[in-house]
Amino acid sequence: MIAIDYQDRRPIYEQIADYYEMLIIKGVLAPDEKIPSVRQMAQELSINPNTIQKAYTVLEKEGYIYTVKGRGNFVSGDQSALAEQKRNVWKSKMRECLKEGRELGVGRASCIRLVDEICGGEEQ
């Protein structure tokens, strides 16, 4: 069940889309698995169906799901490519963040300590 955070500055449709992106990338949702209908999801979350439709439109546009007319929405089959795409977006954000840190005088050692703190020093 999706937990909507009303304190989050992101719109609700983005929170829903991000939630489904992670489920798909992590393999929790299998390729070609049917996801809940717009109406069903709207009832479960007690939000406007247009909000759900907007989230599903974003997911479809980004290649995470596909629609079969009259049957519903299904998980895309190319999860490894989607995961790679998401990692590339993350790397780009990380580069921007590190550039900003450098401009603020944050040194390499501080960055490495922070990464170790967040990742627990694990290698991958």
C-alpha atoms as a PDB file:
ATOM      1  CA  MET A   1       0.000   0.000   0.000  1.00  0.00           C
ATOM      2  CA  ILE A   2       1.291   3.405  -0.954  1.00  0.00           C
ATOM      3  CA  ALA A   3       1.724   5.864   1.890  1.00  0.00           C
ATOM      4  CA  ILE A   4       1.043   9.392   0.687  1.00  0.00           C
ATOM      5  CA  ASP A   5       3.075  11.972   2.581  1.00  0.00           C
ATOM      6  CA  TYR A   6       1.047  15.175   2.690  1.00  0.00           C
ATOM      7  CA  GLN A   7       4.048  17.008   4.180  1.00  0.00           C
ATOM      8  CA  ASP A   8       6.119  16.174   1.084  1.00  0.00           C
ATOM      9  CA  ARG A   9       6.479  19.112  -1.294  1.00  0.00           C
ATOM     10  CA  ARG A  10       6.194  16.845  -4.318  1.00  0.00           C
ATOM     11  CA  PRO A  11       2.756  16.471  -5.869  1.00  0.00           C
ATOM     12  CA  ILE A  12       0.846  13.307  -4.964  1.00  0.00           C
ATOM     13  CA  TYR A  13       1.029  11.976  -8.529  1.00  0.00           C
ATOM     14  CA  GLU A  14       4.860  12.182  -8.383  1.00  0.00           C
ATOM     15  CA  GLN A  15       4.925  10.287  -5.093  1.00  0.00           C
ATOM     16  CA  ILE A  16       2.781   7.547  -6.632  1.00  0.00           C
ATOM     17  CA  ALA A  17       4.889   7.394  -9.806  1.00  0.00           C
ATOM     18  CA  ASP A  18       8.128   7.256  -7.776  1.00  0.00           C
ATOM     19  CA  TYR A  19       6.710   4.478  -5.588  1.00  0.00           C
ATOM     20  CA  TYR A  20       5.824   2.361  -8.619  1.00  0.00           C
ATOM     21  CA  GLU A  21       9.169   3.094 -10.300  1.00  0.00           C
ATOM     22  CA  MET A  22      10.989   1.642  -7.291  1.00  0.00           C
ATOM     23  CA  LEU A  23       8.719  -1.412  -7.098  1.00  0.00           C
ATOM     24  CA  ILE A  24       9.376  -2.098 -10.773  1.00  0.00           C
ATOM     25  CA  ILE A  25      13.132  -1.494 -10.616  1.00  0.00           C
ATOM     26  CA  LYS A  26      13.528  -3.661  -7.509  1.00  0.00           C
ATOM     27  CA  GLY A  27      11.610  -6.468  -9.222  1.00  0.00           C
ATOM     28  CA  VAL A  28       8.769  -6.477  -6.699  1.00  0.00           C
ATOM     29  CA  LEU A  29       6.400  -6.141  -9.649  1.00  0.00           C
ATOM     30  CA  ALA A  30       7.119  -8.672 -12.385  1.00  0.00           C
ATOM     31  CA  PRO A  31       7.117  -7.847 -16.101  1.00  0.00           C
ATOM     32  CA  ASP A  32       3.620  -7.946 -17.607  1.00  0.00           C
ATOM     33  CA  GLU A  33       2.045  -7.936 -14.128  1.00  0.00           C
ATOM     34  CA  LYS A  34      -1.223  -6.001 -13.987  1.00  0.00           C
ATOM     35  CA  ILE A  35      -1.255  -2.989 -11.689  1.00  0.00           C
ATOM     36  CA  PRO A  36      -4.425  -1.708  -9.977  1.00  0.00           C
ATOM     37  CA  SER A  37      -6.886   0.200 -12.121  1.00  0.00           C
ATOM     38  CA  VAL A  38      -7.142   3.965 -11.792  1.00  0.00           C
ATOM     39  CA  ARG A  39     -10.529   3.641 -10.111  1.00  0.00           C
ATOM     40  CA  GLN A  40      -9.352   0.951  -7.685  1.00  0.00           C
ATOM     41  CA  MET A  41      -6.208   2.887  -6.715  1.00  0.00           C
ATOM     42  CA  ALA A  42      -8.197   6.108  -6.274  1.00  0.00           C
ATOM     43  CA  GLN A  43     -10.606   4.334  -3.918  1.00  0.00           C
ATOM     44  CA  GLU A  44      -7.792   2.699  -1.922  1.00  0.00           C
ATOM     45  CA  LEU A  45      -5.965   5.998  -1.447  1.00  0.00           C
ATOM     46  CA  SER A  46      -9.100   8.162  -1.222  1.00  0.00           C
ATOM     47  CA  ILE A  47      -7.795  10.588  -3.827  1.00  0.00           C
ATOM     48  CA  ASN A  48      -9.043  11.917  -7.136  1.00  0.00           C
ATOM     49  CA  PRO A  49      -8.821   9.433 -10.043  1.00  0.00           C
ATOM     50  CA  ASN A  50      -7.271  12.186 -12.188  1.00  0.00           C
ATOM     51  CA  THR A  51      -4.270  12.175  -9.837  1.00  0.00           C
ATOM     52  CA  ILE A  52      -3.803   8.436 -10.347  1.00  0.00           C
ATOM     53  CA  GLN A  53      -4.253   8.816 -14.097  1.00  0.00           C
ATOM     54  CA  LYS A  54      -1.559  11.486 -14.148  1.00  0.00           C
ATOM     55  CA  ALA A  55       0.848   9.191 -12.248  1.00  0.00           C
ATOM     56  CA  TYR A  56       0.113   6.329 -14.654  1.00  0.00           C
ATOM     57  CA  THR A  57       0.635   8.650 -17.629  1.00  0.00           C
ATOM     58  CA  VAL A  58       4.063   9.616 -16.277  1.00  0.00           C
ATOM     59  CA  LEU A  59       4.948   5.951 -15.721  1.00  0.00           C
ATOM     60  CA  GLU A  60       3.857   5.052 -19.238  1.00  0.00           C
ATOM     61  CA  LYS A  61       5.730   7.963 -20.787  1.00  0.00           C
ATOM     62  CA  GLU A  62       8.927   6.892 -18.969  1.00  0.00           C
ATOM     63  CA  GLY A  63       8.479   3.271 -20.074  1.00  0.00           C
ATOM     64  CA  TYR A  64       7.674   1.685 -16.713  1.00  0.00           C
ATOM     65  CA  ILE A  65       4.193   0.539 -17.674  1.00  0.00           C
ATOM     66  CA  TYR A  66       2.132   0.008 -20.800  1.00  0.00           C
ATOM     67  CA  THR A  67      -1.611   0.131 -21.368  1.00  0.00           C
ATOM     68  CA  VAL A  68      -3.769  -2.463 -23.064  1.00  0.00           C
ATOM     69  CA  LYS A  69      -7.028  -0.875 -24.097  1.00  0.00           C
ATOM     70  CA  GLY A  70      -9.924  -2.386 -22.175  1.00  0.00           C
ATOM     71  CA  ARG A  71      -7.647  -4.586 -20.025  1.00  0.00           C
ATOM     72  CA  GLY A  72      -5.651  -2.142 -17.899  1.00  0.00           C
ATOM     73  CA  ASN A  73      -2.072  -1.174 -17.149  1.00  0.00           C
ATOM     74  CA  PHE A  74       0.830  -3.616 -17.000  1.00  0.00           C
ATOM     75  CA  VAL A  75       4.482  -3.518 -15.908  1.00  0.00           C
ATOM     76  CA  SER A  76       6.952  -3.081 -18.743  1.00  0.00           C
ATOM     77  CA  GLY A  77       9.206  -6.043 -19.488  1.00  0.00           C
ATOM     78  CA  ASP A  78      12.517  -4.156 -19.749  1.00  0.00           C
ATOM     79  CA  GLN A  79      13.348  -3.701 -16.058  1.00  0.00           C
ATOM     80  CA  SER A  80      17.141  -3.836 -16.454  1.00  0.00           C
ATOM     81  CA  ALA A  81      17.108  -0.962 -18.963  1.00  0.00           C
ATOM     82  CA  LEU A  82      14.794   1.026 -16.688  1.00  0.00           C
ATOM     83  CA  ALA A  83      17.075   0.390 -13.708  1.00  0.00           C
ATOM     84  CA  GLU A  84      20.089   1.544 -15.733  1.00  0.00           C
ATOM     85  CA  GLN A  85      18.203   4.666 -16.815  1.00  0.00           C
ATOM     86  CA  LYS A  86      17.305   5.417 -13.183  1.00  0.00           C
ATOM     87  CA  ARG A  87      20.940   4.911 -12.090  1.00  0.00           C
ATOM     88  CA  ASN A  88      22.087   7.350 -14.784  1.00  0.00           C
ATOM     89  CA  VAL A  89      19.624   9.957 -13.529  1.00  0.00           C
ATOM     90  CA  TRP A  90      20.894   9.364  -9.979  1.00  0.00           C
ATOM     91  CA  LYS A  91      24.520   9.734 -11.097  1.00  0.00           C
ATOM     92  CA  SER A  92      23.689  13.014 -12.792  1.00  0.00           C
ATOM     93  CA  LYS A  93      22.027  14.325  -9.624  1.00  0.00           C
ATOM     94  CA  MET A  94      25.008  13.131  -7.580  1.00  0.00           C
ATOM     95  CA  ARG A  95      27.433  14.991  -9.865  1.00  0.00           C
ATOM     96  CA  GLU A  96      25.411  18.184  -9.481  1.00  0.00           C
ATOM     97  CA  CYS A  97      25.321  17.773  -5.712  1.00  0.00           C
ATOM     98  CA  LEU A  98      29.078  17.171  -5.522  1.00  0.00           C
ATOM     99  CA  LYS A  99      29.771  20.202  -7.733  1.00  0.00           C
ATOM    100  CA  GLU A 100      27.642  22.329  -5.426  1.00  0.00           C
ATOM    101  CA  GLY A 101      29.490  20.909  -2.405  1.00  0.00           C
ATOM    102  CA  ARG A 102      32.825  21.745  -3.975  1.00  0.00           C
ATOM    103  CA  GLU A 103      31.638  25.322  -4.577  1.00  0.00           C
ATOM    104  CA  LEU A 104      30.663  25.494  -0.893  1.00  0.00           C
ATOM    105  CA  GLY A 105      34.108  24.300   0.171  1.00  0.00           C
ATOM    106  CA  VAL A 106      33.198  20.712   1.044  1.00  0.00           C
ATOM    107  CA  GLY A 107      36.307  18.591   0.580  1.00  0.00           C
ATOM    108  CA  ARG A 108      36.788  15.129  -0.873  1.00  0.00           C
ATOM    109  CA  ALA A 109      37.360  13.536   2.539  1.00  0.00           C
ATOM    110  CA  SER A 110      34.062  14.942   3.844  1.00  0.00           C
ATOM    111  CA  CYS A 111      32.225  13.590   0.813  1.00  0.00           C
ATOM    112  CA  ILE A 112      33.763  10.141   1.250  1.00  0.00           C
ATOM    113  CA  ARG A 113      32.885  10.105   4.963  1.00  0.00           C
ATOM    114  CA  LEU A 114      29.314  11.030   4.146  1.00  0.00           C
ATOM    115  CA  VAL A 115      29.047   8.314   1.497  1.00  0.00           C
ATOM    116  CA  ASP A 116      30.471   5.762   3.952  1.00  0.00           C
ATOM    117  CA  GLU A 117      28.020   6.950   6.595  1.00  0.00           C
ATOM    118  CA  ILE A 118      25.046   6.580   4.270  1.00  0.00           C
ATOM    119  CA  CYS A 119      26.129   3.364   2.548  1.00  0.00           C
ATOM    120  CA  GLY A 120      27.695   1.744   5.584  1.00  0.00           C
ATOM    121  CA  GLY A 121      31.057   1.315   3.865  1.00  0.00           C
ATOM    122  CA  GLU A 122      29.761  -1.568   1.737  1.00  0.00           C
ATOM    123  CA  GLU A 123      31.307  -2.355  -1.641  1.00  0.00           C
ATOM    124  CA  GLN A 124      29.265  -3.033  -4.795  1.00  0.00           C
END
